[in-house]
């Protein structure tokens, strides 16, 4: 993956990771961080992907897409645990 479109500001920061090579024909994951107040940030994720035409990588991509809710749920739990808001 390549990190690009990094932006930081007082009320919002963001970056994208774009697949350079891998199982998808296209994968762009945008991470946006929205400051609510001095102690609270909302993390937004947007994933744009296109499956590969190769049957093997298509199946891998479908599996990865199906696993995203679990992955993001785990990340949210782990983030809260690390910063002490569990």
PDB file of N, CA and C in Angstrom:
ATOM      1  N   UNK A   1       0.847  -1.186   0.000  1.00  0.00           N
ATOM      2  CA  UNK A   1       0.000   0.000   0.000  1.00  0.00           C
ATOM      3  C   UNK A   1       0.881   1.234   0.000  1.00  0.00           C
ATOM      4  N   UNK A   2       0.354   2.285  -0.552  1.00  0.00           N
ATOM      5  CA  UNK A   2       1.049   3.571  -0.569  1.00  0.00           C
ATOM      6  C   UNK A   2       0.160   4.572   0.158  1.00  0.00           C
ATOM      7  N   UNK A   3       0.730   5.330   1.092  1.00  0.00           N
ATOM      8  CA  UNK A   3       0.003   6.379   1.805  1.00  0.00           C
ATOM      9  C   UNK A   3       0.055   7.639   0.951  1.00  0.00           C
ATOM     10  N   UNK A   4      -1.120   8.270   0.759  1.00  0.00           N
ATOM     11  CA  UNK A   4      -1.179   9.488  -0.056  1.00  0.00           C
ATOM     12  C   UNK A   4      -2.306  10.384   0.432  1.00  0.00           C
ATOM     13  N   UNK A   5      -2.373  11.576  -0.135  1.00  0.00           N
ATOM     14  CA  UNK A   5      -3.414  12.568   0.184  1.00  0.00           C
ATOM     15  C   UNK A   5      -3.524  12.821   1.680  1.00  0.00           C
ATOM     16  N   UNK A   6      -2.380  13.042   2.310  1.00  0.00           N
ATOM     17  CA  UNK A   6      -2.343  13.321   3.740  1.00  0.00           C
ATOM     18  C   UNK A   6      -2.707  14.779   3.958  1.00  0.00           C
ATOM     19  N   UNK A   7      -3.703  15.007   4.802  1.00  0.00           N
ATOM     20  CA  UNK A   7      -4.134  16.366   5.128  1.00  0.00           C
ATOM     21  C   UNK A   7      -4.368  16.452   6.626  1.00  0.00           C
ATOM     22  N   UNK A   8      -3.950  17.557   7.212  1.00  0.00           N
ATOM     23  CA  UNK A   8      -4.215  17.745   8.637  1.00  0.00           C
ATOM     24  C   UNK A   8      -4.748  19.146   8.846  1.00  0.00           C
ATOM     25  N   UNK A   9      -5.682  19.232   9.764  1.00  0.00           N
ATOM     26  CA  UNK A   9      -6.281  20.519  10.078  1.00  0.00           C
ATOM     27  C   UNK A   9      -6.807  20.498  11.501  1.00  0.00           C
ATOM     28  N   UNK A  10      -7.228  21.644  11.972  1.00  0.00           N
ATOM     29  CA  UNK A  10      -7.706  21.747  13.348  1.00  0.00           C
ATOM     30  C   UNK A  10      -8.956  20.913  13.589  1.00  0.00           C
ATOM     31  N   UNK A  11      -9.850  20.845  12.621  1.00  0.00           N
ATOM     32  CA  UNK A  11     -11.104  20.127  12.841  1.00  0.00           C
ATOM     33  C   UNK A  11     -11.168  18.773  12.143  1.00  0.00           C
ATOM     34  N   UNK A  12     -10.290  18.554  11.144  1.00  0.00           N
ATOM     35  CA  UNK A  12     -10.336  17.285  10.429  1.00  0.00           C
ATOM     36  C   UNK A  12      -8.964  16.952   9.850  1.00  0.00           C
ATOM     37  N   UNK A  13      -8.613  15.666   9.928  1.00  0.00           N
ATOM     38  CA  UNK A  13      -7.385  15.174   9.311  1.00  0.00           C
ATOM     39  C   UNK A  13      -7.746  13.926   8.524  1.00  0.00           C
ATOM     40  N   UNK A  14      -6.952  13.610   7.504  1.00  0.00           N
ATOM     41  CA  UNK A  14      -7.261  12.433   6.691  1.00  0.00           C
ATOM     42  C   UNK A  14      -6.029  11.946   5.951  1.00  0.00           C
ATOM     43  N   UNK A  15      -6.083  10.692   5.539  1.00  0.00           N
ATOM     44  CA  UNK A  15      -5.090  10.141   4.619  1.00  0.00           C
ATOM     45  C   UNK A  15      -5.724   8.945   3.927  1.00  0.00           C
ATOM     46  N   UNK A  16      -5.097   8.529   2.839  1.00  0.00           N
ATOM     47  CA  UNK A  16      -5.569   7.372   2.089  1.00  0.00           C
ATOM     48  C   UNK A  16      -4.439   6.360   1.983  1.00  0.00           C
ATOM     49  N   UNK A  17      -4.815   5.088   2.036  1.00  0.00           N
ATOM     50  CA  UNK A  17      -3.859   4.081   1.604  1.00  0.00           C
ATOM     51  C   UNK A  17      -4.431   3.419   0.362  1.00  0.00           C
ATOM     52  N   UNK A  18      -3.581   3.353  -0.642  1.00  0.00           N
ATOM     53  CA  UNK A  18      -3.961   2.826  -1.955  1.00  0.00           C
ATOM     54  C   UNK A  18      -3.129   1.577  -2.219  1.00  0.00           C
ATOM     55  N   UNK A  19      -3.802   0.514  -2.636  1.00  0.00           N
ATOM     56  CA  UNK A  19      -3.099  -0.723  -2.974  1.00  0.00           C
ATOM     57  C   UNK A  19      -2.247  -0.488  -4.216  1.00  0.00           C
ATOM     58  N   UNK A  20      -0.973  -0.769  -4.095  1.00  0.00           N
ATOM     59  CA  UNK A  20      -0.058  -0.692  -5.235  1.00  0.00           C
ATOM     60  C   UNK A  20      -0.046  -2.042  -5.949  1.00  0.00           C
ATOM     61  N   UNK A  21      -0.045  -3.111  -5.170  1.00  0.00           N
ATOM     62  CA  UNK A  21      -0.189  -4.451  -5.724  1.00  0.00           C
ATOM     63  C   UNK A  21      -0.864  -5.314  -4.670  1.00  0.00           C
ATOM     64  N   UNK A  22      -1.652  -6.264  -5.124  1.00  0.00           N
ATOM     65  CA  UNK A  22      -2.350  -7.123  -4.181  1.00  0.00           C
ATOM     66  C   UNK A  22      -3.548  -7.788  -4.813  1.00  0.00           C
ATOM     67  N   UNK A  23      -4.452  -8.286  -3.983  1.00  0.00           N
ATOM     68  CA  UNK A  23      -5.553  -9.106  -4.492  1.00  0.00           C
ATOM     69  C   UNK A  23      -6.664  -8.341  -5.204  1.00  0.00           C
ATOM     70  N   UNK A  24      -6.747  -7.042  -5.030  1.00  0.00           N
ATOM     71  CA  UNK A  24      -7.826  -6.269  -5.643  1.00  0.00           C
ATOM     72  C   UNK A  24      -7.365  -5.603  -6.934  1.00  0.00           C
ATOM     73  N   UNK A  25      -8.313  -5.375  -7.835  1.00  0.00           N
ATOM     74  CA  UNK A  25      -8.021  -4.574  -9.022  1.00  0.00           C
ATOM     75  C   UNK A  25      -7.823  -3.120  -8.597  1.00  0.00           C
ATOM     76  N   UNK A  26      -8.546  -2.709  -7.551  1.00  0.00           N
ATOM     77  CA  UNK A  26      -8.411  -1.355  -6.973  1.00  0.00           C
ATOM     78  C   UNK A  26      -8.780  -1.420  -5.505  1.00  0.00           C
ATOM     79  N   UNK A  27      -8.025  -0.698  -4.678  1.00  0.00           N
ATOM     80  CA  UNK A  27      -8.317  -0.596  -3.253  1.00  0.00           C
ATOM     81  C   UNK A  27      -7.847   0.766  -2.782  1.00  0.00           C
ATOM     82  N   UNK A  28      -8.790   1.592  -2.348  1.00  0.00           N
ATOM     83  CA  UNK A  28      -8.472   2.903  -1.777  1.00  0.00           C
ATOM     84  C   UNK A  28      -9.216   2.996  -0.453  1.00  0.00           C
ATOM     85  N   UNK A  29      -8.470   3.151   0.621  1.00  0.00           N
ATOM     86  CA  UNK A  29      -9.048   3.233   1.958  1.00  0.00           C
ATOM     87  C   UNK A  29      -8.773   4.634   2.493  1.00  0.00           C
ATOM     88  N   UNK A  30      -9.837   5.400   2.700  1.00  0.00           N
ATOM     89  CA  UNK A  30      -9.712   6.758   3.220  1.00  0.00           C
ATOM     90  C   UNK A  30     -10.012   6.750   4.708  1.00  0.00           C
ATOM     91  N   UNK A  31      -9.083   7.275   5.490  1.00  0.00           N
ATOM     92  CA  UNK A  31      -9.211   7.410   6.933  1.00  0.00           C
ATOM     93  C   UNK A  31      -9.439   8.900   7.213  1.00  0.00           C
ATOM     94  N   UNK A  32     -10.537   9.230   7.846  1.00  0.00           N
ATOM     95  CA  UNK A  32     -10.819  10.626   8.197  1.00  0.00           C
ATOM     96  C   UNK A  32     -11.011  10.712   9.699  1.00  0.00           C
ATOM     97  N   UNK A  33     -10.380  11.707  10.321  1.00  0.00           N
ATOM     98  CA  UNK A  33     -10.442  11.907  11.755  1.00  0.00           C
ATOM     99  C   UNK A  33     -11.117  13.248  12.011  1.00  0.00           C
ATOM    100  N   UNK A  34     -12.283  13.204  12.640  1.00  0.00           N
ATOM    101  CA  UNK A  34     -13.090  14.399  12.876  1.00  0.00           C
ATOM    102  C   UNK A  34     -13.051  14.752  14.360  1.00  0.00           C
ATOM    103  N   UNK A  35     -12.503  15.915  14.668  1.00  0.00           N
ATOM    104  CA  UNK A  35     -12.448  16.371  16.058  1.00  0.00           C
ATOM    105  C   UNK A  35     -13.836  16.833  16.495  1.00  0.00           C
ATOM    106  N   UNK A  36     -14.333  16.228  17.565  1.00  0.00           N
ATOM    107  CA  UNK A  36     -15.625  16.622  18.121  1.00  0.00           C
ATOM    108  C   UNK A  36     -15.405  17.684  19.189  1.00  0.00           C
ATOM    109  N   UNK A  37     -14.447  17.437  20.065  1.00  0.00           N
ATOM    110  CA  UNK A  37     -14.024  18.403  21.076  1.00  0.00           C
ATOM    111  C   UNK A  37     -12.575  18.092  21.412  1.00  0.00           C
ATOM    112  N   UNK A  38     -12.043  18.683  22.470  1.00  0.00           N
ATOM    113  CA  UNK A  38     -10.622  18.514  22.777  1.00  0.00           C
ATOM    114  C   UNK A  38     -10.272  17.095  23.223  1.00  0.00           C
ATOM    115  N   UNK A  39     -11.263  16.278  23.551  1.00  0.00           N
ATOM    116  CA  UNK A  39     -10.992  14.921  24.025  1.00  0.00           C
ATOM    117  C   UNK A  39     -11.617  13.827  23.167  1.00  0.00           C
ATOM    118  N   UNK A  40     -12.365  14.202  22.133  1.00  0.00           N
ATOM    119  CA  UNK A  40     -13.116  13.212  21.364  1.00  0.00           C
ATOM    120  C   UNK A  40     -12.853  13.365  19.873  1.00  0.00           C
ATOM    121  N   UNK A  41     -12.554  12.246  19.236  1.00  0.00           N
ATOM    122  CA  UNK A  41     -12.353  12.206  17.793  1.00  0.00           C
ATOM    123  C   UNK A  41     -13.185  11.068  17.214  1.00  0.00           C
ATOM    124  N   UNK A  42     -13.860  11.339  16.119  1.00  0.00           N
ATOM    125  CA  UNK A  42     -14.595  10.298  15.401  1.00  0.00           C
ATOM    126  C   UNK A  42     -13.730   9.858  14.228  1.00  0.00           C
ATOM    127  N   UNK A  43     -13.573   8.548  14.084  1.00  0.00           N
ATOM    128  CA  UNK A  43     -12.796   7.992  12.981  1.00  0.00           C
ATOM    129  C   UNK A  43     -13.774   7.455  11.941  1.00  0.00           C
ATOM    130  N   UNK A  44     -13.657   7.952  10.719  1.00  0.00           N
ATOM    131  CA  UNK A  44     -14.488   7.495   9.605  1.00  0.00           C
ATOM    132  C   UNK A  44     -13.603   6.705   8.646  1.00  0.00           C
ATOM    133  N   UNK A  45     -14.106   5.590   8.160  1.00  0.00           N
ATOM    134  CA  UNK A  45     -13.398   4.791   7.158  1.00  0.00           C
ATOM    135  C   UNK A  45     -14.278   4.670   5.932  1.00  0.00           C
ATOM    136  N   UNK A  46     -13.675   4.859   4.779  1.00  0.00           N
ATOM    137  CA  UNK A  46     -14.372   4.630   3.516  1.00  0.00           C
ATOM    138  C   UNK A  46     -13.453   3.780   2.651  1.00  0.00           C
ATOM    139  N   UNK A  47     -13.974   2.654   2.194  1.00  0.00           N
ATOM    140  CA  UNK A  47     -13.195   1.759   1.352  1.00  0.00           C
ATOM    141  C   UNK A  47     -13.841   1.698  -0.028  1.00  0.00           C
ATOM    142  N   UNK A  48     -13.050   2.000  -1.037  1.00  0.00           N
ATOM    143  CA  UNK A  48     -13.472   1.838  -2.423  1.00  0.00           C
ATOM    144  C   UNK A  48     -12.633   0.701  -2.989  1.00  0.00           C
ATOM    145  N   UNK A  49     -13.305  -0.335  -3.470  1.00  0.00           N
ATOM    146  CA  UNK A  49     -12.543  -1.457  -4.005  1.00  0.00           C
ATOM    147  C   UNK A  49     -13.230  -2.028  -5.238  1.00  0.00           C
ATOM    148  N   UNK A  50     -12.424  -2.664  -6.047  1.00  0.00           N
ATOM    149  CA  UNK A  50     -12.925  -3.371  -7.220  1.00  0.00           C
ATOM    150  C   UNK A  50     -12.236  -4.728  -7.232  1.00  0.00           C
ATOM    151  N   UNK A  51     -13.030  -5.775  -7.338  1.00  0.00           N
ATOM    152  CA  UNK A  51     -12.478  -7.123  -7.306  1.00  0.00           C
ATOM    153  C   UNK A  51     -11.670  -7.426  -8.563  1.00  0.00           C
ATOM    154  N   UNK A  52     -10.688  -8.288  -8.403  1.00  0.00           N
ATOM    155  CA  UNK A  52      -9.879  -8.755  -9.524  1.00  0.00           C
ATOM    156  C   UNK A  52     -10.701  -9.666 -10.427  1.00  0.00           C
ATOM    157  N   UNK A  53     -10.347  -9.741 -11.672  1.00  0.00           N
ATOM    158  CA  UNK A  53     -11.002 -10.670 -12.597  1.00  0.00           C
ATOM    159  C   UNK A  53     -10.428 -12.078 -12.467  1.00  0.00           C
ATOM    160  N   UNK A  54      -9.252 -12.193 -11.886  1.00  0.00           N
ATOM    161  CA  UNK A  54      -8.638 -13.495 -11.670  1.00  0.00           C
ATOM    162  C   UNK A  54      -9.487 -14.252 -10.641  1.00  0.00           C
ATOM    163  N   UNK A  55      -9.960 -15.465 -10.956  1.00  0.00           N
ATOM    164  CA  UNK A  55     -10.866 -16.188 -10.050  1.00  0.00           C
ATOM    165  C   UNK A  55     -10.315 -16.397  -8.641  1.00  0.00           C
ATOM    166  N   UNK A  56      -9.017 -16.692  -8.533  1.00  0.00           N
ATOM    167  CA  UNK A  56      -8.425 -16.888  -7.205  1.00  0.00           C
ATOM    168  C   UNK A  56      -8.451 -15.592  -6.408  1.00  0.00           C
ATOM    169  N   UNK A  57      -7.953 -14.497  -7.015  1.00  0.00           N
ATOM    170  CA  UNK A  57      -7.896 -13.223  -6.293  1.00  0.00           C
ATOM    171  C   UNK A  57      -9.293 -12.649  -6.075  1.00  0.00           C
ATOM    172  N   UNK A  58     -10.235 -12.968  -6.964  1.00  0.00           N
ATOM    173  CA  UNK A  58     -11.623 -12.561  -6.763  1.00  0.00           C
ATOM    174  C   UNK A  58     -12.151 -13.178  -5.471  1.00  0.00           C
ATOM    175  N   UNK A  59     -11.911 -14.483  -5.281  1.00  0.00           N
ATOM    176  CA  UNK A  59     -12.372 -15.174  -4.064  1.00  0.00           C
ATOM    177  C   UNK A  59     -11.689 -14.617  -2.819  1.00  0.00           C
ATOM    178  N   UNK A  60     -10.399 -14.351  -2.903  1.00  0.00           N
ATOM    179  CA  UNK A  60      -9.677 -13.745  -1.769  1.00  0.00           C
ATOM    180  C   UNK A  60     -10.281 -12.381  -1.446  1.00  0.00           C
ATOM    181  N   UNK A  61     -10.548 -11.578  -2.471  1.00  0.00           N
ATOM    182  CA  UNK A  61     -11.129 -10.251  -2.268  1.00  0.00           C
ATOM    183  C   UNK A  61     -12.505 -10.308  -1.634  1.00  0.00           C
ATOM    184  N   UNK A  62     -13.337 -11.248  -2.055  1.00  0.00           N
ATOM    185  CA  UNK A  62     -14.669 -11.403  -1.453  1.00  0.00           C
ATOM    186  C   UNK A  62     -14.524 -11.733   0.029  1.00  0.00           C
ATOM    187  N   UNK A  63     -13.621 -12.654   0.344  1.00  0.00           N
ATOM    188  CA  UNK A  63     -13.381 -13.000   1.744  1.00  0.00           C
ATOM    189  C   UNK A  63     -12.914 -11.806   2.556  1.00  0.00           C
ATOM    190  N   UNK A  64     -12.030 -11.012   1.981  1.00  0.00           N
ATOM    191  CA  UNK A  64     -11.536  -9.831   2.689  1.00  0.00           C
ATOM    192  C   UNK A  64     -12.657  -8.824   2.910  1.00  0.00           C
ATOM    193  N   UNK A  65     -13.480  -8.597   1.893  1.00  0.00           N
ATOM    194  CA  UNK A  65     -14.608  -7.670   2.043  1.00  0.00           C
ATOM    195  C   UNK A  65     -15.549  -8.124   3.154  1.00  0.00           C
ATOM    196  N   UNK A  66     -15.844  -9.424   3.185  1.00  0.00           N
ATOM    197  CA  UNK A  66     -16.751  -9.950   4.208  1.00  0.00           C
ATOM    198  C   UNK A  66     -16.176  -9.796   5.614  1.00  0.00           C
ATOM    199  N   UNK A  67     -14.856  -9.796   5.725  1.00  0.00           N
ATOM    200  CA  UNK A  67     -14.206  -9.664   7.021  1.00  0.00           C
ATOM    201  C   UNK A  67     -14.029  -8.244   7.515  1.00  0.00           C
ATOM    202  N   UNK A  68     -14.308  -7.245   6.673  1.00  0.00           N
ATOM    203  CA  UNK A  68     -14.069  -5.852   7.073  1.00  0.00           C
ATOM    204  C   UNK A  68     -14.831  -5.434   8.329  1.00  0.00           C
ATOM    205  N   UNK A  69     -16.114  -5.775   8.501  1.00  0.00           N
ATOM    206  CA  UNK A  69     -16.792  -5.368   9.745  1.00  0.00           C
ATOM    207  C   UNK A  69     -16.094  -5.895  11.004  1.00  0.00           C
ATOM    208  N   UNK A  70     -15.612  -7.113  10.947  1.00  0.00           N
ATOM    209  CA  UNK A  70     -14.901  -7.684  12.096  1.00  0.00           C
ATOM    210  C   UNK A  70     -13.586  -6.936  12.304  1.00  0.00           C
ATOM    211  N   UNK A  71     -12.863  -6.688  11.234  1.00  0.00           N
ATOM    212  CA  UNK A  71     -11.592  -5.973  11.327  1.00  0.00           C
ATOM    213  C   UNK A  71     -11.780  -4.580  11.927  1.00  0.00           C
ATOM    214  N   UNK A  72     -12.757  -3.823  11.428  1.00  0.00           N
ATOM    215  CA  UNK A  72     -12.973  -2.473  11.937  1.00  0.00           C
ATOM    216  C   UNK A  72     -13.517  -2.493  13.366  1.00  0.00           C
ATOM    217  N   UNK A  73     -14.332  -3.488  13.698  1.00  0.00           N
ATOM    218  CA  UNK A  73     -14.805  -3.631  15.071  1.00  0.00           C
ATOM    219  C   UNK A  73     -13.662  -3.898  16.029  1.00  0.00           C
ATOM    220  N   UNK A  74     -12.741  -4.787  15.629  1.00  0.00           N
ATOM    221  CA  UNK A  74     -11.573  -5.076  16.453  1.00  0.00           C
ATOM    222  C   UNK A  74     -10.707  -3.835  16.602  1.00  0.00           C
ATOM    223  N   UNK A  75     -10.508  -3.112  15.512  1.00  0.00           N
ATOM    224  CA  UNK A  75      -9.678  -1.901  15.585  1.00  0.00           C
ATOM    225  C   UNK A  75     -10.286  -0.873  16.528  1.00  0.00           C
ATOM    226  N   UNK A  76     -11.615  -0.708  16.484  1.00  0.00           N
ATOM    227  CA  UNK A  76     -12.280   0.238  17.385  1.00  0.00           C
ATOM    228  C   UNK A  76     -12.092  -0.186  18.838  1.00  0.00           C
ATOM    229  N   UNK A  77     -12.281  -1.464  19.120  1.00  0.00           N
ATOM    230  CA  UNK A  77     -12.101  -1.973  20.481  1.00  0.00           C
ATOM    231  C   UNK A  77     -10.668  -1.770  20.953  1.00  0.00           C
ATOM    232  N   UNK A  78      -9.703  -2.126  20.099  1.00  0.00           N
ATOM    233  CA  UNK A  78      -8.291  -2.014  20.461  1.00  0.00           C
ATOM    234  C   UNK A  78      -7.887  -0.557  20.671  1.00  0.00           C
ATOM    235  N   UNK A  79      -8.382   0.339  19.823  1.00  0.00           N
ATOM    236  CA  UNK A  79      -8.067   1.762  19.973  1.00  0.00           C
ATOM    237  C   UNK A  79      -8.583   2.275  21.307  1.00  0.00           C
ATOM    238  N   UNK A  80      -9.813   1.944  21.658  1.00  0.00           N
ATOM    239  CA  UNK A  80     -10.382   2.374  22.947  1.00  0.00           C
ATOM    240  C   UNK A  80      -9.574   1.810  24.109  1.00  0.00           C
ATOM    241  N   UNK A  81      -9.143   0.573  23.995  1.00  0.00           N
ATOM    242  CA  UNK A  81      -8.357  -0.059  25.046  1.00  0.00           C
ATOM    243  C   UNK A  81      -7.008   0.643  25.219  1.00  0.00           C
ATOM    244  N   UNK A  82      -6.348   0.932  24.109  1.00  0.00           N
ATOM    245  CA  UNK A  82      -5.029   1.563  24.150  1.00  0.00           C
ATOM    246  C   UNK A  82      -5.097   2.964  24.763  1.00  0.00           C
ATOM    247  N   UNK A  83      -6.144   3.722  24.439  1.00  0.00           N
ATOM    248  CA  UNK A  83      -6.230   5.087  24.973  1.00  0.00           C
ATOM    249  C   UNK A  83      -6.954   5.157  26.313  1.00  0.00           C
ATOM    250  N   UNK A  84      -7.421   3.998  26.815  1.00  0.00           N
ATOM    251  CA  UNK A  84      -8.008   3.956  28.141  1.00  0.00           C
ATOM    252  C   UNK A  84      -9.482   4.296  28.215  1.00  0.00           C
ATOM    253  N   UNK A  85     -10.208   4.185  27.101  1.00  0.00           N
ATOM    254  CA  UNK A  85     -11.642   4.481  27.093  1.00  0.00           C
ATOM    255  C   UNK A  85     -12.480   3.228  26.939  1.00  0.00           C
ATOM    256  N   UNK A  86     -11.974   2.106  27.410  1.00  0.00           N
ATOM    257  CA  UNK A  86     -12.689   0.849  27.239  1.00  0.00           C
ATOM    258  C   UNK A  86     -13.849   0.738  28.215  1.00  0.00           C
TER     259      UNK A  86
END
